[in-house]
Amino acid sequence: MATVDVTRVAGNIGALNALYSLQNINAQLAIHQTRLATGKRLNEAADDPAGMSIATTFDVRRQGLKTALSAIGDAKNLMSTMEGGLRKVQDILVKMRNKAMEAQGDTIGANERRAIQDQLRAFRDEIDAIVDQTQWNNNYLLVGTGGSGTSIPLTFLTGPESTGGTTEFGFVTGNAIAANQGFSASTSSIDQNGLGLSDAILTITNSASAVNAMQRIESALTIVKEAVSQVGAFTARLTFKEEALAVQYTNTESAYNRIMNANMAEEQVEASKFLILQQTATAMLAQANVAPQFLLSLFR
């Protein structure tokens, strides 16, 4: 700071020093008031270029994690829709098995077997209706190859990464994903790999045909039971991913918050300090402006 020489009035150094201090205080006060107004520690890159770069990286990451968490929630809802359809199909197949079992005994006659046959076919048709109705965003969830809008295997967003951020689900048969596995009760052009419960299979005329129908129904029931189990396992996997991403999101948000957002208590303390300094600097500037007047006494 320049030395004050009160004998030279052409340049009022004391007032210039006070003015410089006041300007600096005003600038600092403006920074803290802006932080209090916005809640942000960094309001422009000049505040902290390196910090702004790191905060931007964290911001991209946290928003990606938030998007992935939302997508996993949607995926779990889709899987719940799929599971609901499969469980209803499973319930109907259990009833069909019991009816076919009932038709094996010769205690019932041809008319009763025909009635059971009609009931089995009605149940089969209801399975087809359920499979047709189990959709998500106009995609069939339980229809195999040939179905309009078929979406199996399904690809879900489960992470924020540009590569490796998706997880695929498909019904597994043996060691391979059966992309064409469907659950319509009868094989048709709509579902080329359904459960195979055609009219011929569900024709009940005697004990032998009832046994054959029951065996085919049991095979279909096994396929559906395995599918329900696989849906449940994948849903649990989605839950694990959701929990892991939630922890990552919290930690990333914390890191972003520490760099980017203002400590409001600290900023208030600093703002109060500079408000007081602003008043004292203004008073000192006023005194510095009148200080050279004592030289007038030399001219009396």
C-alpha atoms as a PDB file:
ATOM      1  CA  MET A   1       0.000   0.000   0.000  1.00  0.00           C
ATOM      2  CA  ALA A   2       1.358   3.434  -0.956  1.00  0.00           C
ATOM      3  CA  THR A   3       2.793   5.686   1.777  1.00  0.00           C
ATOM      4  CA  VAL A   4       0.564   8.588   2.703  1.00  0.00           C
ATOM      5  CA  ASP A   5       2.121  12.083   2.288  1.00  0.00           C
ATOM      6  CA  VAL A   6      -0.363  14.613   3.607  1.00  0.00           C
ATOM      7  CA  THR A   7       1.768  17.596   2.446  1.00  0.00           C
ATOM      8  CA  ARG A   8       1.054  16.839  -1.220  1.00  0.00           C
ATOM      9  CA  VAL A   9      -2.597  17.581  -1.892  1.00  0.00           C
ATOM     10  CA  ALA A  10      -2.491  17.098  -5.670  1.00  0.00           C
ATOM     11  CA  GLY A  11      -2.523  13.340  -5.108  1.00  0.00           C
ATOM     12  CA  ASN A  12      -4.587  12.257  -2.094  1.00  0.00           C
ATOM     13  CA  ILE A  13      -2.846   8.905  -1.432  1.00  0.00           C
ATOM     14  CA  GLY A  14      -4.743   8.275   1.804  1.00  0.00           C
ATOM     15  CA  ALA A  15      -8.069   8.618   0.024  1.00  0.00           C
ATOM     16  CA  LEU A  16      -6.877   6.395  -2.849  1.00  0.00           C
ATOM     17  CA  ASN A  17      -5.848   3.682  -0.372  1.00  0.00           C
ATOM     18  CA  ALA A  18      -9.208   3.890   1.352  1.00  0.00           C
ATOM     19  CA  LEU A  19     -10.983   3.811  -2.017  1.00  0.00           C
ATOM     20  CA  TYR A  20      -9.029   0.736  -3.107  1.00  0.00           C
ATOM     21  CA  SER A  21      -9.907  -1.024   0.143  1.00  0.00           C
ATOM     22  CA  LEU A  22     -13.577  -0.088  -0.256  1.00  0.00           C
ATOM     23  CA  GLN A  23     -13.644  -1.398  -3.830  1.00  0.00           C
ATOM     24  CA  ASN A  24     -12.058  -4.671  -2.751  1.00  0.00           C
ATOM     25  CA  ILE A  25     -14.540  -5.023   0.124  1.00  0.00           C
ATOM     26  CA  ASN A  26     -17.464  -4.343  -2.231  1.00  0.00           C
ATOM     27  CA  ALA A  27     -16.206  -6.989  -4.630  1.00  0.00           C
ATOM     28  CA  GLN A  28     -15.881  -9.585  -1.841  1.00  0.00           C
ATOM     29  CA  LEU A  29     -19.276  -8.645  -0.421  1.00  0.00           C
ATOM     30  CA  ALA A  30     -20.858  -9.066  -3.869  1.00  0.00           C
ATOM     31  CA  ILE A  31     -19.394 -12.580  -4.142  1.00  0.00           C
ATOM     32  CA  HIS A  32     -20.818 -13.682  -0.787  1.00  0.00           C
ATOM     33  CA  GLN A  33     -24.188 -12.038  -1.441  1.00  0.00           C
ATOM     34  CA  THR A  34     -24.404 -13.819  -4.818  1.00  0.00           C
ATOM     35  CA  ARG A  35     -23.630 -17.142  -3.141  1.00  0.00           C
ATOM     36  CA  LEU A  36     -26.317 -16.490  -0.552  1.00  0.00           C
ATOM     37  CA  ALA A  37     -28.802 -15.571  -3.258  1.00  0.00           C
ATOM     38  CA  THR A  38     -28.091 -18.597  -5.492  1.00  0.00           C
ATOM     39  CA  GLY A  39     -26.997 -21.183  -2.935  1.00  0.00           C
ATOM     40  CA  LYS A  40     -24.025 -21.935  -5.199  1.00  0.00           C
ATOM     41  CA  ARG A  41     -20.376 -21.634  -4.233  1.00  0.00           C
ATOM     42  CA  LEU A  42     -19.360 -21.591  -7.899  1.00  0.00           C
ATOM     43  CA  ASN A  43     -21.475 -19.244  -9.996  1.00  0.00           C
ATOM     44  CA  GLU A  44     -19.013 -18.918 -12.877  1.00  0.00           C
ATOM     45  CA  ALA A  45     -15.943 -20.803 -14.026  1.00  0.00           C
ATOM     46  CA  ALA A  46     -13.663 -17.950 -12.900  1.00  0.00           C
ATOM     47  CA  ASP A  47     -14.597 -18.666  -9.271  1.00  0.00           C
ATOM     48  CA  ASP A  48     -12.697 -21.989  -9.402  1.00  0.00           C
ATOM     49  CA  PRO A  49     -11.871 -23.373 -12.887  1.00  0.00           C
ATOM     50  CA  ALA A  50     -10.615 -26.747 -11.636  1.00  0.00           C
ATOM     51  CA  GLY A  51     -13.489 -27.088  -9.190  1.00  0.00           C
ATOM     52  CA  MET A  52     -16.015 -26.258 -11.901  1.00  0.00           C
ATOM     53  CA  SER A  53     -14.545 -28.972 -14.151  1.00  0.00           C
ATOM     54  CA  ILE A  54     -14.708 -31.593 -11.394  1.00  0.00           C
ATOM     55  CA  ALA A  55     -18.216 -30.513 -10.389  1.00  0.00           C
ATOM     56  CA  THR A  56     -19.391 -30.837 -13.998  1.00  0.00           C
ATOM     57  CA  THR A  57     -18.019 -34.386 -14.120  1.00  0.00           C
ATOM     58  CA  PHE A  58     -19.880 -35.237 -10.917  1.00  0.00           C
ATOM     59  CA  ASP A  59     -23.026 -33.544 -12.254  1.00  0.00           C
ATOM     60  CA  VAL A  60     -22.997 -35.664 -15.415  1.00  0.00           C
ATOM     61  CA  ARG A  61     -22.472 -38.777 -13.312  1.00  0.00           C
ATOM     62  CA  ARG A  62     -25.228 -38.024 -10.807  1.00  0.00           C
ATOM     63  CA  GLN A  63     -27.764 -37.224 -13.512  1.00  0.00           C
ATOM     64  CA  GLY A  64     -26.839 -40.441 -15.318  1.00  0.00           C
ATOM     65  CA  LEU A  65     -27.315 -42.401 -12.091  1.00  0.00           C
ATOM     66  CA  LYS A  66     -30.673 -40.719 -11.514  1.00  0.00           C
ATOM     67  CA  THR A  67     -31.798 -41.658 -15.030  1.00  0.00           C
ATOM     68  CA  ALA A  68     -30.631 -45.250 -14.528  1.00  0.00           C
ATOM     69  CA  LEU A  69     -32.486 -45.489 -11.206  1.00  0.00           C
ATOM     70  CA  SER A  70     -35.660 -44.285 -12.881  1.00  0.00           C
ATOM     71  CA  ALA A  71     -35.181 -46.802 -15.692  1.00  0.00           C
ATOM     72  CA  ILE A  72     -34.709 -49.656 -13.212  1.00  0.00           C
ATOM     73  CA  GLY A  73     -37.963 -48.669 -11.532  1.00  0.00           C
ATOM     74  CA  ASP A  74     -39.714 -48.881 -14.900  1.00  0.00           C
ATOM     75  CA  ALA A  75     -38.024 -52.220 -15.591  1.00  0.00           C
ATOM     76  CA  LYS A  76     -39.271 -53.653 -12.293  1.00  0.00           C
ATOM     77  CA  ASN A  77     -42.792 -52.527 -13.135  1.00  0.00           C
ATOM     78  CA  LEU A  78     -42.512 -54.223 -16.528  1.00  0.00           C
ATOM     79  CA  MET A  79     -41.275 -57.430 -14.909  1.00  0.00           C
ATOM     80  CA  SER A  80     -44.167 -57.266 -12.425  1.00  0.00           C
ATOM     81  CA  THR A  81     -46.567 -57.035 -15.355  1.00  0.00           C
ATOM     82  CA  MET A  82     -44.911 -60.046 -16.948  1.00  0.00           C
ATOM     83  CA  GLU A  83     -44.962 -62.006 -13.697  1.00  0.00           C
ATOM     84  CA  GLY A  84     -48.628 -61.206 -13.137  1.00  0.00           C
ATOM     85  CA  GLY A  85     -49.525 -62.608 -16.549  1.00  0.00           C
ATOM     86  CA  LEU A  86     -47.424 -65.741 -16.039  1.00  0.00           C
ATOM     87  CA  ARG A  87     -48.856 -66.434 -12.603  1.00  0.00           C
ATOM     88  CA  LYS A  88     -52.382 -66.190 -13.945  1.00  0.00           C
ATOM     89  CA  VAL A  89     -51.478 -68.581 -16.769  1.00  0.00           C
ATOM     90  CA  GLN A  90     -49.977 -70.892 -14.150  1.00  0.00           C
ATOM     91  CA  ASP A  91     -53.179 -70.839 -12.084  1.00  0.00           C
ATOM     92  CA  ILE A  92     -55.253 -71.736 -15.131  1.00  0.00           C
ATOM     93  CA  LEU A  93     -52.918 -74.596 -16.055  1.00  0.00           C
ATOM     94  CA  VAL A  94     -53.262 -76.025 -12.552  1.00  0.00           C
ATOM     95  CA  LYS A  95     -57.044 -76.025 -12.978  1.00  0.00           C
ATOM     96  CA  MET A  96     -56.671 -77.627 -16.418  1.00  0.00           C
ATOM     97  CA  ARG A  97     -54.470 -80.363 -14.955  1.00  0.00           C
ATOM     98  CA  ASN A  98     -57.044 -81.137 -12.290  1.00  0.00           C
ATOM     99  CA  LYS A  99     -59.795 -81.345 -14.911  1.00  0.00           C
ATOM    100  CA  ALA A 100     -57.736 -83.671 -17.121  1.00  0.00           C
ATOM    101  CA  MET A 101     -56.994 -85.830 -14.080  1.00  0.00           C
ATOM    102  CA  GLU A 102     -60.705 -85.995 -13.337  1.00  0.00           C
ATOM    103  CA  ALA A 103     -61.364 -87.280 -16.869  1.00  0.00           C
ATOM    104  CA  GLN A 104     -59.043 -90.291 -16.463  1.00  0.00           C
ATOM    105  CA  GLY A 105     -61.447 -92.355 -14.383  1.00  0.00           C
ATOM    106  CA  ASP A 106     -64.177 -94.417 -15.991  1.00  0.00           C
ATOM    107  CA  THR A 107     -66.619 -93.325 -13.338  1.00  0.00           C
ATOM    108  CA  ILE A 108     -67.641 -90.572 -15.768  1.00  0.00           C
ATOM    109  CA  GLY A 109     -69.196 -91.063 -19.162  1.00  0.00           C
ATOM    110  CA  ALA A 110     -68.722 -89.647 -22.634  1.00  0.00           C
ATOM    111  CA  ASN A 111     -70.932 -86.643 -21.986  1.00  0.00           C
ATOM    112  CA  GLU A 112     -68.967 -85.684 -18.887  1.00  0.00           C
ATOM    113  CA  ARG A 113     -65.659 -86.087 -20.769  1.00  0.00           C
ATOM    114  CA  ARG A 114     -66.996 -83.879 -23.555  1.00  0.00           C
ATOM    115  CA  ALA A 115     -67.925 -81.254 -20.977  1.00  0.00           C
ATOM    116  CA  ILE A 116     -64.409 -81.444 -19.499  1.00  0.00           C
ATOM    117  CA  GLN A 117     -62.966 -81.155 -23.009  1.00  0.00           C
ATOM    118  CA  ASP A 118     -65.010 -78.013 -23.648  1.00  0.00           C
ATOM    119  CA  GLN A 119     -63.901 -76.575 -20.329  1.00  0.00           C
ATOM    120  CA  LEU A 120     -60.222 -77.301 -21.069  1.00  0.00           C
ATOM    121  CA  ARG A 121     -60.491 -75.552 -24.419  1.00  0.00           C
ATOM    122  CA  ALA A 122     -62.223 -72.591 -22.785  1.00  0.00           C
ATOM    123  CA  PHE A 123     -59.397 -72.383 -20.247  1.00  0.00           C
ATOM    124  CA  ARG A 124     -56.893 -72.608 -23.110  1.00  0.00           C
ATOM    125  CA  ASP A 125     -58.587 -69.724 -24.888  1.00  0.00           C
ATOM    126  CA  GLU A 126     -58.438 -67.649 -21.710  1.00  0.00           C
ATOM    127  CA  ILE A 127     -54.683 -68.280 -21.492  1.00  0.00           C
ATOM    128  CA  ASP A 128     -54.354 -66.942 -25.033  1.00  0.00           C
ATOM    129  CA  ALA A 129     -56.348 -63.852 -24.044  1.00  0.00           C
ATOM    130  CA  ILE A 130     -54.129 -63.241 -21.015  1.00  0.00           C
ATOM    131  CA  VAL A 131     -50.969 -63.622 -23.101  1.00  0.00           C
ATOM    132  CA  ASP A 132     -52.398 -61.171 -25.634  1.00  0.00           C
ATOM    133  CA  GLN A 133     -53.246 -58.650 -22.900  1.00  0.00           C
ATOM    134  CA  THR A 134     -49.888 -58.820 -21.143  1.00  0.00           C
ATOM    135  CA  GLN A 135     -48.248 -55.854 -22.868  1.00  0.00           C
ATOM    136  CA  TRP A 136     -45.964 -52.961 -22.022  1.00  0.00           C
ATOM    137  CA  ASN A 137     -45.824 -49.908 -24.227  1.00  0.00           C
ATOM    138  CA  ASN A 138     -47.437 -51.853 -27.086  1.00  0.00           C
ATOM    139  CA  ASN A 139     -44.918 -54.713 -26.806  1.00  0.00           C
ATOM    140  CA  TYR A 140     -46.121 -58.231 -26.085  1.00  0.00           C
ATOM    141  CA  LEU A 141     -44.283 -59.670 -23.081  1.00  0.00           C
ATOM    142  CA  LEU A 142     -45.418 -63.298 -23.302  1.00  0.00           C
ATOM    143  CA  VAL A 143     -45.600 -63.822 -27.060  1.00  0.00           C
ATOM    144  CA  GLY A 144     -42.781 -65.643 -28.857  1.00  0.00           C
ATOM    145  CA  THR A 145     -41.576 -65.536 -32.465  1.00  0.00           C
ATOM    146  CA  GLY A 146     -44.072 -64.125 -34.934  1.00  0.00           C
ATOM    147  CA  GLY A 147     -45.934 -61.898 -32.497  1.00  0.00           C
ATOM    148  CA  SER A 148     -46.387 -58.278 -33.535  1.00  0.00           C
ATOM    149  CA  GLY A 149     -44.302 -56.051 -31.268  1.00  0.00           C
ATOM    150  CA  THR A 150     -42.395 -58.970 -29.743  1.00  0.00           C
ATOM    151  CA  SER A 151     -39.754 -57.671 -27.318  1.00  0.00           C
ATOM    152  CA  ILE A 152     -38.079 -60.806 -25.938  1.00  0.00           C
ATOM    153  CA  PRO A 153     -35.230 -60.809 -25.165  1.00  0.00           C
ATOM    154  CA  LEU A 154     -35.605 -57.478 -23.395  1.00  0.00           C
ATOM    155  CA  THR A 155     -32.842 -54.916 -22.899  1.00  0.00           C
ATOM    156  CA  PHE A 156     -32.985 -52.716 -19.791  1.00  0.00           C
ATOM    157  CA  LEU A 157     -30.999 -49.611 -18.870  1.00  0.00           C
ATOM    158  CA  THR A 158     -29.333 -50.468 -15.543  1.00  0.00           C
ATOM    159  CA  GLY A 159     -26.325 -48.146 -15.361  1.00  0.00           C
ATOM    160  CA  PRO A 160     -25.066 -44.680 -16.374  1.00  0.00           C
ATOM    161  CA  GLU A 161     -22.223 -45.961 -18.565  1.00  0.00           C
ATOM    162  CA  SER A 162     -22.352 -45.567 -22.343  1.00  0.00           C
ATOM    163  CA  THR A 163     -21.080 -49.149 -22.716  1.00  0.00           C
ATOM    164  CA  GLY A 164     -22.119 -51.964 -20.410  1.00  0.00           C
ATOM    165  CA  GLY A 165     -24.959 -49.923 -18.962  1.00  0.00           C
ATOM    166  CA  THR A 166     -27.671 -52.338 -20.075  1.00  0.00           C
ATOM    167  CA  THR A 167     -28.838 -55.770 -18.913  1.00  0.00           C
ATOM    168  CA  GLU A 168     -30.696 -58.285 -21.060  1.00  0.00           C
ATOM    169  CA  PHE A 169     -33.460 -60.616 -19.981  1.00  0.00           C
ATOM    170  CA  GLY A 170     -34.742 -63.655 -21.843  1.00  0.00           C
ATOM    171  CA  PHE A 171     -36.338 -66.936 -20.839  1.00  0.00           C
ATOM    172  CA  VAL A 172     -33.636 -69.576 -20.474  1.00  0.00           C
ATOM    173  CA  THR A 173     -34.080 -73.102 -21.774  1.00  0.00           C
ATOM    174  CA  GLY A 174     -31.125 -75.209 -20.720  1.00  0.00           C
ATOM    175  CA  ASN A 175     -28.064 -72.984 -21.166  1.00  0.00           C
ATOM    176  CA  ALA A 176     -29.396 -70.669 -23.873  1.00  0.00           C
ATOM    177  CA  ILE A 177     -31.749 -67.710 -23.944  1.00  0.00           C
ATOM    178  CA  ALA A 178     -34.863 -68.778 -25.819  1.00  0.00           C
ATOM    179  CA  ALA A 179     -35.713 -65.553 -27.607  1.00  0.00           C
ATOM    180  CA  ASN A 180     -38.664 -67.239 -29.317  1.00  0.00           C
ATOM    181  CA  GLN A 181     -40.303 -68.761 -26.217  1.00  0.00           C
ATOM    182  CA  GLY A 182     -43.948 -67.808 -25.994  1.00  0.00           C
ATOM    183  CA  PHE A 183     -46.730 -68.746 -23.603  1.00  0.00           C
ATOM    184  CA  SER A 184     -49.807 -68.847 -25.780  1.00  0.00           C
ATOM    185  CA  ALA A 185     -51.634 -72.074 -25.059  1.00  0.00           C
ATOM    186  CA  SER A 186     -51.846 -73.117 -28.706  1.00  0.00           C
ATOM    187  CA  THR A 187     -49.063 -72.932 -31.273  1.00  0.00           C
ATOM    188  CA  SER A 188     -50.089 -70.536 -34.033  1.00  0.00           C
ATOM    189  CA  SER A 189     -48.750 -67.995 -36.493  1.00  0.00           C
ATOM    190  CA  ILE A 190     -48.992 -65.446 -33.689  1.00  0.00           C
ATOM    191  CA  ASP A 191     -46.928 -67.518 -31.261  1.00  0.00           C
ATOM    192  CA  GLN A 192     -44.856 -70.114 -33.082  1.00  0.00           C
ATOM    193  CA  ASN A 193     -43.374 -71.565 -29.902  1.00  0.00           C
ATOM    194  CA  GLY A 194     -46.259 -71.569 -27.435  1.00  0.00           C
ATOM    195  CA  LEU A 195     -47.331 -74.179 -24.901  1.00  0.00           C
ATOM    196  CA  GLY A 196     -48.662 -76.558 -27.568  1.00  0.00           C
ATOM    197  CA  LEU A 197     -52.153 -77.143 -26.161  1.00  0.00           C
ATOM    198  CA  SER A 198     -53.965 -77.523 -29.474  1.00  0.00           C
ATOM    199  CA  ASP A 199     -57.491 -78.832 -29.976  1.00  0.00           C
ATOM    200  CA  ALA A 200     -56.074 -82.260 -30.808  1.00  0.00           C
ATOM    201  CA  ILE A 201     -54.173 -82.416 -27.509  1.00  0.00           C
ATOM    202  CA  LEU A 202     -57.244 -81.347 -25.537  1.00  0.00           C
ATOM    203  CA  THR A 203     -59.574 -83.861 -27.166  1.00  0.00           C
ATOM    204  CA  ILE A 204     -60.876 -86.048 -24.311  1.00  0.00           C
ATOM    205  CA  THR A 205     -62.656 -89.220 -25.446  1.00  0.00           C
ATOM    206  CA  ASN A 206     -61.277 -91.855 -23.097  1.00  0.00           C
ATOM    207  CA  SER A 207     -58.869 -92.454 -20.233  1.00  0.00           C
ATOM    208  CA  ALA A 208     -55.801 -92.620 -22.492  1.00  0.00           C
ATOM    209  CA  SER A 209     -56.532 -89.275 -24.170  1.00  0.00           C
ATOM    210  CA  ALA A 210     -57.115 -87.742 -20.734  1.00  0.00           C
ATOM    211  CA  VAL A 211     -53.705 -89.023 -19.573  1.00  0.00           C
ATOM    212  CA  ASN A 212     -52.064 -87.599 -22.716  1.00  0.00           C
ATOM    213  CA  ALA A 213     -53.756 -84.224 -22.177  1.00  0.00           C
ATOM    214  CA  MET A 214     -52.697 -84.180 -18.549  1.00  0.00           C
ATOM    215  CA  GLN A 215     -49.066 -84.909 -19.463  1.00  0.00           C
ATOM    216  CA  ARG A 216     -48.998 -82.121 -22.035  1.00  0.00           C
ATOM    217  CA  ILE A 217     -50.570 -79.726 -19.545  1.00  0.00           C
ATOM    218  CA  GLU A 218     -47.922 -80.695 -16.975  1.00  0.00           C
ATOM    219  CA  SER A 219     -45.191 -79.980 -19.544  1.00  0.00           C
ATOM    220  CA  ALA A 220     -46.724 -76.564 -20.182  1.00  0.00           C
ATOM    221  CA  LEU A 221     -46.977 -75.983 -16.438  1.00  0.00           C
ATOM    222  CA  THR A 222     -43.285 -76.790 -16.030  1.00  0.00           C
ATOM    223  CA  ILE A 223     -42.373 -74.217 -18.691  1.00  0.00           C
ATOM    224  CA  VAL A 224     -44.473 -71.538 -17.009  1.00  0.00           C
ATOM    225  CA  LYS A 225     -43.169 -72.358 -13.514  1.00  0.00           C
ATOM    226  CA  GLU A 226     -39.579 -72.012 -14.735  1.00  0.00           C
ATOM    227  CA  ALA A 227     -40.469 -68.720 -16.421  1.00  0.00           C
ATOM    228  CA  VAL A 228     -42.012 -67.343 -13.212  1.00  0.00           C
ATOM    229  CA  SER A 229     -38.871 -68.334 -11.315  1.00  0.00           C
ATOM    230  CA  GLN A 230     -36.652 -66.621 -13.893  1.00  0.00           C
ATOM    231  CA  VAL A 231     -38.732 -63.444 -13.784  1.00  0.00           C
ATOM    232  CA  GLY A 232     -38.457 -63.407  -9.991  1.00  0.00           C
ATOM    233  CA  ALA A 233     -34.689 -63.946 -10.088  1.00  0.00           C
ATOM    234  CA  PHE A 234     -34.213 -61.150 -12.610  1.00  0.00           C
ATOM    235  CA  THR A 235     -36.418 -58.795 -10.587  1.00  0.00           C
ATOM    236  CA  ALA A 236     -34.269 -59.514  -7.524  1.00  0.00           C
ATOM    237  CA  ARG A 237     -31.199 -58.759  -9.633  1.00  0.00           C
ATOM    238  CA  LEU A 238     -32.722 -55.424 -10.631  1.00  0.00           C
ATOM    239  CA  THR A 239     -33.307 -54.674  -6.947  1.00  0.00           C
ATOM    240  CA  PHE A 240     -29.621 -55.313  -6.167  1.00  0.00           C
ATOM    241  CA  LYS A 241     -28.607 -53.003  -9.002  1.00  0.00           C
ATOM    242  CA  GLU A 242     -31.059 -50.361  -7.772  1.00  0.00           C
ATOM    243  CA  GLU A 243     -29.608 -50.475  -4.252  1.00  0.00           C
ATOM    244  CA  ALA A 244     -26.029 -50.229  -5.544  1.00  0.00           C
ATOM    245  CA  LEU A 245     -26.874 -47.297  -7.812  1.00  0.00           C
ATOM    246  CA  ALA A 246     -28.705 -45.542  -4.974  1.00  0.00           C
ATOM    247  CA  VAL A 247     -25.527 -45.646  -2.862  1.00  0.00           C
ATOM    248  CA  GLN A 248     -23.462 -44.359  -5.798  1.00  0.00           C
ATOM    249  CA  TYR A 249     -25.959 -41.587  -6.443  1.00  0.00           C
ATOM    250  CA  THR A 250     -25.889 -40.450  -2.806  1.00  0.00           C
ATOM    251  CA  ASN A 251     -22.080 -40.362  -2.721  1.00  0.00           C
ATOM    252  CA  THR A 252     -21.836 -38.586  -6.077  1.00  0.00           C
ATOM    253  CA  GLU A 253     -24.441 -36.047  -5.015  1.00  0.00           C
ATOM    254  CA  SER A 254     -22.474 -35.442  -1.812  1.00  0.00           C
ATOM    255  CA  ALA A 255     -19.238 -34.844  -3.742  1.00  0.00           C
ATOM    256  CA  TYR A 256     -21.001 -32.493  -6.178  1.00  0.00           C
ATOM    257  CA  ASN A 257     -22.686 -30.649  -3.303  1.00  0.00           C
ATOM    258  CA  ARG A 258     -19.393 -30.101  -1.459  1.00  0.00           C
ATOM    259  CA  ILE A 259     -17.732 -28.538  -4.508  1.00  0.00           C
ATOM    260  CA  MET A 260     -20.592 -26.678  -6.152  1.00  0.00           C
ATOM    261  CA  ASN A 261     -22.942 -25.533  -3.400  1.00  0.00           C
ATOM    262  CA  ALA A 262     -22.330 -22.827  -0.833  1.00  0.00           C
ATOM    263  CA  ASN A 263     -21.977 -23.287   2.914  1.00  0.00           C
ATOM    264  CA  MET A 264     -24.792 -20.913   3.799  1.00  0.00           C
ATOM    265  CA  ALA A 265     -23.761 -20.397   7.424  1.00  0.00           C
ATOM    266  CA  GLU A 266     -20.197 -19.553   6.452  1.00  0.00           C
ATOM    267  CA  GLU A 267     -21.329 -17.257   3.634  1.00  0.00           C
ATOM    268  CA  GLN A 268     -23.650 -15.379   6.000  1.00  0.00           C
ATOM    269  CA  VAL A 269     -20.800 -14.822   8.463  1.00  0.00           C
ATOM    270  CA  GLU A 270     -18.547 -13.532   5.672  1.00  0.00           C
ATOM    271  CA  ALA A 271     -21.281 -11.288   4.256  1.00  0.00           C
ATOM    272  CA  SER A 272     -21.904  -9.766   7.701  1.00  0.00           C
ATOM    273  CA  LYS A 273     -18.179  -9.142   8.135  1.00  0.00           C
ATOM    274  CA  PHE A 274     -17.854  -7.367   4.777  1.00  0.00           C
ATOM    275  CA  LEU A 275     -20.990  -5.299   5.433  1.00  0.00           C
ATOM    276  CA  ILE A 276     -19.320  -3.920   8.559  1.00  0.00           C
ATOM    277  CA  LEU A 277     -16.024  -3.377   6.716  1.00  0.00           C
ATOM    278  CA  GLN A 278     -17.917  -1.587   3.954  1.00  0.00           C
ATOM    279  CA  GLN A 279     -19.247   0.911   6.459  1.00  0.00           C
ATOM    280  CA  THR A 280     -15.863   1.458   8.129  1.00  0.00           C
ATOM    281  CA  ALA A 281     -14.077   1.786   4.781  1.00  0.00           C
ATOM    282  CA  THR A 282     -16.639   4.352   3.642  1.00  0.00           C
ATOM    283  CA  ALA A 283     -16.090   6.321   6.848  1.00  0.00           C
ATOM    284  CA  MET A 284     -12.297   6.151   6.390  1.00  0.00           C
ATOM    285  CA  LEU A 285     -12.604   7.324   2.793  1.00  0.00           C
ATOM    286  CA  ALA A 286     -14.611  10.338   3.982  1.00  0.00           C
ATOM    287  CA  GLN A 287     -11.957  11.144   6.601  1.00  0.00           C
ATOM    288  CA  ALA A 288      -9.147  10.724   4.062  1.00  0.00           C
ATOM    289  CA  ASN A 289     -10.854  13.166   1.716  1.00  0.00           C
ATOM    290  CA  VAL A 290     -10.961  15.913   4.357  1.00  0.00           C
ATOM    291  CA  ALA A 291      -7.552  15.197   5.926  1.00  0.00           C
ATOM    292  CA  PRO A 292      -5.508  17.554   3.605  1.00  0.00           C
ATOM    293  CA  GLN A 293      -7.631  20.520   4.709  1.00  0.00           C
ATOM    294  CA  PHE A 294      -5.402  21.026   7.783  1.00  0.00           C
ATOM    295  CA  LEU A 295      -2.776  22.443   5.340  1.00  0.00           C
ATOM    296  CA  LEU A 296      -5.000  25.491   4.853  1.00  0.00           C
ATOM    297  CA  SER A 297      -3.920  26.677   8.284  1.00  0.00           C
ATOM    298  CA  LEU A 298      -0.451  27.306   6.831  1.00  0.00           C
ATOM    299  CA  PHE A 299      -1.932  30.014   4.568  1.00  0.00           C
ATOM    300  CA  ARG A 300      -3.627  32.049   7.263  1.00  0.00           C
END
